[in-house]
Amino acid sequence: METMNLIKSAISAVDPSKTSKLANIRPDMEIRELGLDSVATMEMVGYLEEKLETQFSDEVMIRIQTFGDLASLIENTRQA
């Protein structure tokens, strides 16, 4: 599954009300711009960790600001 599609699936799974906004997601868009609250964001990360069978460290996650940052993290995790 393409990385951005995986992210979109995670968003849909944790906050279906954001589904209509998924087409607008760009790599340079900040995650907070989508309007996910902190709980939904944590659930999205948990969804991604489960799908990728990994766990992201807090040190790495604190630096994630954009969907592009998140996509890079996922791609690097897949290559490891």
N, C-alpha and C. Protein backbone atom coordinates (compact mmCIF):
# COMPACT_ATOMS: atom_id res chain seq x y z
N MET A 1 0.85 -1.19 0.00
CA MET A 1 0.00 0.00 0.00
C MET A 1 0.89 1.25 0.00
N GLU A 2 0.58 2.18 -0.84
CA GLU A 2 1.34 3.43 -0.89
C GLU A 2 1.25 4.12 0.46
N THR A 3 2.33 4.79 0.85
CA THR A 3 2.44 5.39 2.18
C THR A 3 1.32 6.38 2.47
N MET A 4 1.04 7.30 1.56
CA MET A 4 -0.01 8.29 1.82
C MET A 4 -1.38 7.61 1.92
N ASN A 5 -1.60 6.55 1.17
CA ASN A 5 -2.87 5.82 1.28
C ASN A 5 -2.98 5.14 2.65
N LEU A 6 -1.86 4.65 3.16
CA LEU A 6 -1.86 4.05 4.49
C LEU A 6 -2.21 5.10 5.54
N ILE A 7 -1.64 6.29 5.42
CA ILE A 7 -1.95 7.38 6.34
C ILE A 7 -3.43 7.75 6.25
N LYS A 8 -3.95 7.84 5.05
CA LYS A 8 -5.36 8.17 4.86
C LYS A 8 -6.27 7.09 5.46
N SER A 9 -5.87 5.83 5.33
CA SER A 9 -6.64 4.74 5.94
C SER A 9 -6.64 4.87 7.45
N ALA A 10 -5.50 5.25 8.01
CA ALA A 10 -5.40 5.42 9.46
C ALA A 10 -6.32 6.55 9.92
N ILE A 11 -6.34 7.65 9.19
CA ILE A 11 -7.20 8.78 9.55
C ILE A 11 -8.67 8.36 9.47
N SER A 12 -9.05 7.68 8.41
CA SER A 12 -10.44 7.23 8.26
C SER A 12 -10.84 6.29 9.38
N ALA A 13 -9.91 5.45 9.81
CA ALA A 13 -10.21 4.47 10.85
C ALA A 13 -10.44 5.14 12.21
N VAL A 14 -9.67 6.19 12.50
CA VAL A 14 -9.78 6.80 13.83
C VAL A 14 -10.75 7.98 13.88
N ASP A 15 -11.00 8.61 12.75
CA ASP A 15 -11.92 9.76 12.73
C ASP A 15 -12.63 9.82 11.38
N PRO A 16 -13.67 9.01 11.23
CA PRO A 16 -14.39 8.96 9.95
C PRO A 16 -14.93 10.31 9.49
N SER A 17 -15.11 11.25 10.40
CA SER A 17 -15.62 12.56 10.00
C SER A 17 -14.62 13.33 9.14
N LYS A 18 -13.35 12.90 9.13
CA LYS A 18 -12.32 13.57 8.34
C LYS A 18 -12.18 12.98 6.94
N THR A 19 -12.94 11.94 6.63
CA THR A 19 -12.82 11.25 5.35
C THR A 19 -12.99 12.21 4.16
N SER A 20 -13.90 13.16 4.28
CA SER A 20 -14.14 14.07 3.16
C SER A 20 -12.94 15.00 2.91
N LYS A 21 -12.05 15.14 3.88
CA LYS A 21 -10.89 16.02 3.74
C LYS A 21 -9.64 15.30 3.26
N LEU A 22 -9.71 13.99 3.09
CA LEU A 22 -8.52 13.21 2.75
C LEU A 22 -7.91 13.58 1.40
N ALA A 23 -8.74 13.99 0.46
CA ALA A 23 -8.23 14.35 -0.87
C ALA A 23 -7.34 15.59 -0.80
N ASN A 24 -7.50 16.39 0.24
CA ASN A 24 -6.74 17.63 0.38
C ASN A 24 -5.38 17.45 1.07
N ILE A 25 -5.09 16.26 1.54
CA ILE A 25 -3.84 16.04 2.27
C ILE A 25 -2.66 16.10 1.31
N ARG A 26 -1.69 16.92 1.70
CA ARG A 26 -0.45 17.07 0.93
C ARG A 26 0.73 16.79 1.86
N PRO A 27 1.86 16.37 1.32
CA PRO A 27 3.02 16.10 2.18
C PRO A 27 3.46 17.31 3.02
N ASP A 28 3.29 18.53 2.51
CA ASP A 28 3.73 19.71 3.26
C ASP A 28 2.67 20.21 4.25
N MET A 29 1.53 19.57 4.30
CA MET A 29 0.45 19.97 5.20
C MET A 29 0.74 19.50 6.62
N GLU A 30 0.60 20.40 7.58
CA GLU A 30 0.78 20.01 8.97
C GLU A 30 -0.39 19.15 9.42
N ILE A 31 -0.08 18.13 10.20
CA ILE A 31 -1.10 17.18 10.65
C ILE A 31 -2.21 17.90 11.40
N ARG A 32 -1.86 18.89 12.20
CA ARG A 32 -2.86 19.61 12.99
C ARG A 32 -3.85 20.38 12.11
N GLU A 33 -3.45 20.71 10.87
CA GLU A 33 -4.35 21.42 9.96
C GLU A 33 -5.59 20.60 9.61
N LEU A 34 -5.49 19.29 9.72
CA LEU A 34 -6.62 18.43 9.40
C LEU A 34 -7.68 18.49 10.50
N GLY A 35 -7.28 18.96 11.67
CA GLY A 35 -8.24 19.10 12.77
C GLY A 35 -8.37 17.87 13.64
N LEU A 36 -7.38 16.98 13.58
CA LEU A 36 -7.40 15.82 14.48
C LEU A 36 -7.05 16.29 15.89
N ASP A 37 -7.80 15.84 16.87
CA ASP A 37 -7.42 16.18 18.23
C ASP A 37 -6.29 15.25 18.68
N SER A 38 -5.75 15.50 19.87
CA SER A 38 -4.58 14.74 20.31
C SER A 38 -4.89 13.25 20.47
N VAL A 39 -6.09 12.93 20.91
CA VAL A 39 -6.46 11.52 21.07
C VAL A 39 -6.52 10.84 19.70
N ALA A 40 -7.16 11.47 18.73
CA ALA A 40 -7.25 10.89 17.39
C ALA A 40 -5.87 10.75 16.76
N THR A 41 -5.00 11.72 17.01
CA THR A 41 -3.64 11.63 16.48
C THR A 41 -2.91 10.43 17.08
N MET A 42 -3.06 10.24 18.39
CA MET A 42 -2.43 9.08 19.03
C MET A 42 -3.00 7.78 18.49
N GLU A 43 -4.30 7.75 18.26
CA GLU A 43 -4.94 6.56 17.71
C GLU A 43 -4.46 6.30 16.28
N MET A 44 -4.26 7.37 15.52
CA MET A 44 -3.75 7.23 14.15
C MET A 44 -2.35 6.60 14.19
N VAL A 45 -1.51 7.08 15.08
CA VAL A 45 -0.16 6.53 15.20
C VAL A 45 -0.23 5.07 15.62
N GLY A 46 -1.12 4.76 16.56
CA GLY A 46 -1.29 3.36 16.98
C GLY A 46 -1.73 2.47 15.84
N TYR A 47 -2.63 2.96 15.02
CA TYR A 47 -3.09 2.22 13.84
C TYR A 47 -1.90 1.94 12.92
N LEU A 48 -1.10 2.97 12.66
CA LEU A 48 0.07 2.80 11.78
C LEU A 48 1.07 1.82 12.37
N GLU A 49 1.30 1.92 13.67
CA GLU A 49 2.24 1.00 14.32
C GLU A 49 1.76 -0.44 14.19
N GLU A 50 0.47 -0.65 14.37
CA GLU A 50 -0.10 -1.99 14.25
C GLU A 50 0.05 -2.52 12.83
N LYS A 51 -0.28 -1.70 11.84
CA LYS A 51 -0.18 -2.13 10.44
C LYS A 51 1.26 -2.42 10.03
N LEU A 52 2.20 -1.64 10.58
CA LEU A 52 3.62 -1.80 10.22
C LEU A 52 4.35 -2.76 11.15
N GLU A 53 3.64 -3.23 12.17
CA GLU A 53 4.22 -4.13 13.17
C GLU A 53 5.50 -3.54 13.75
N THR A 54 5.39 -2.31 14.24
CA THR A 54 6.52 -1.60 14.83
C THR A 54 6.00 -0.66 15.90
N GLN A 55 6.91 0.01 16.57
CA GLN A 55 6.54 1.04 17.52
C GLN A 55 7.46 2.23 17.31
N PHE A 56 6.88 3.40 17.15
CA PHE A 56 7.66 4.62 16.96
C PHE A 56 8.03 5.19 18.33
N SER A 57 9.26 5.62 18.48
CA SER A 57 9.69 6.19 19.75
C SER A 57 9.10 7.59 19.94
N ASP A 58 8.93 7.98 21.18
CA ASP A 58 8.43 9.33 21.47
C ASP A 58 9.38 10.39 20.94
N GLU A 59 10.67 10.11 20.99
CA GLU A 59 11.68 11.06 20.51
C GLU A 59 11.50 11.35 19.02
N VAL A 60 11.13 10.33 18.27
CA VAL A 60 10.90 10.49 16.83
C VAL A 60 9.56 11.16 16.59
N MET A 61 8.56 10.75 17.30
CA MET A 61 7.21 11.27 17.07
C MET A 61 7.10 12.75 17.38
N ILE A 62 7.85 13.24 18.34
CA ILE A 62 7.75 14.65 18.71
C ILE A 62 8.20 15.58 17.58
N ARG A 63 9.01 15.04 16.67
CA ARG A 63 9.50 15.84 15.54
C ARG A 63 8.59 15.79 14.32
N ILE A 64 7.57 14.96 14.34
CA ILE A 64 6.67 14.80 13.21
C ILE A 64 5.67 15.96 13.21
N GLN A 65 5.71 16.78 12.18
CA GLN A 65 4.81 17.92 12.08
C GLN A 65 3.88 17.82 10.86
N THR A 66 4.41 17.31 9.75
CA THR A 66 3.64 17.27 8.50
C THR A 66 3.34 15.83 8.10
N PHE A 67 2.43 15.71 7.14
CA PHE A 67 2.15 14.38 6.61
C PHE A 67 3.37 13.83 5.87
N GLY A 68 4.17 14.71 5.29
CA GLY A 68 5.41 14.28 4.64
C GLY A 68 6.40 13.72 5.65
N ASP A 69 6.49 14.35 6.83
CA ASP A 69 7.35 13.83 7.90
C ASP A 69 6.89 12.42 8.29
N LEU A 70 5.59 12.27 8.44
CA LEU A 70 5.03 10.97 8.83
C LEU A 70 5.28 9.93 7.74
N ALA A 71 5.10 10.33 6.48
CA ALA A 71 5.35 9.41 5.38
C ALA A 71 6.81 8.98 5.34
N SER A 72 7.73 9.91 5.59
CA SER A 72 9.16 9.57 5.60
C SER A 72 9.47 8.58 6.71
N LEU A 73 8.88 8.80 7.88
CA LEU A 73 9.07 7.88 8.99
C LEU A 73 8.59 6.48 8.63
N ILE A 74 7.44 6.39 8.01
CA ILE A 74 6.89 5.09 7.61
C ILE A 74 7.80 4.42 6.58
N GLU A 75 8.24 5.18 5.59
CA GLU A 75 9.11 4.61 4.57
C GLU A 75 10.43 4.13 5.16
N ASN A 76 10.99 4.90 6.09
CA ASN A 76 12.24 4.49 6.74
C ASN A 76 12.03 3.24 7.58
N THR A 77 10.86 3.14 8.20
CA THR A 77 10.53 1.96 9.03
C THR A 77 10.41 0.72 8.14
N ARG A 78 9.81 0.88 6.97
CA ARG A 78 9.64 -0.25 6.05
C ARG A 78 10.99 -0.75 5.53
N GLN A 79 11.95 0.16 5.38
CA GLN A 79 13.27 -0.22 4.85
C GLN A 79 14.16 -0.84 5.88
N ALA A 80 13.85 -0.61 7.17
CA ALA A 80 14.72 -1.11 8.25
C ALA A 80 14.58 -2.60 8.41
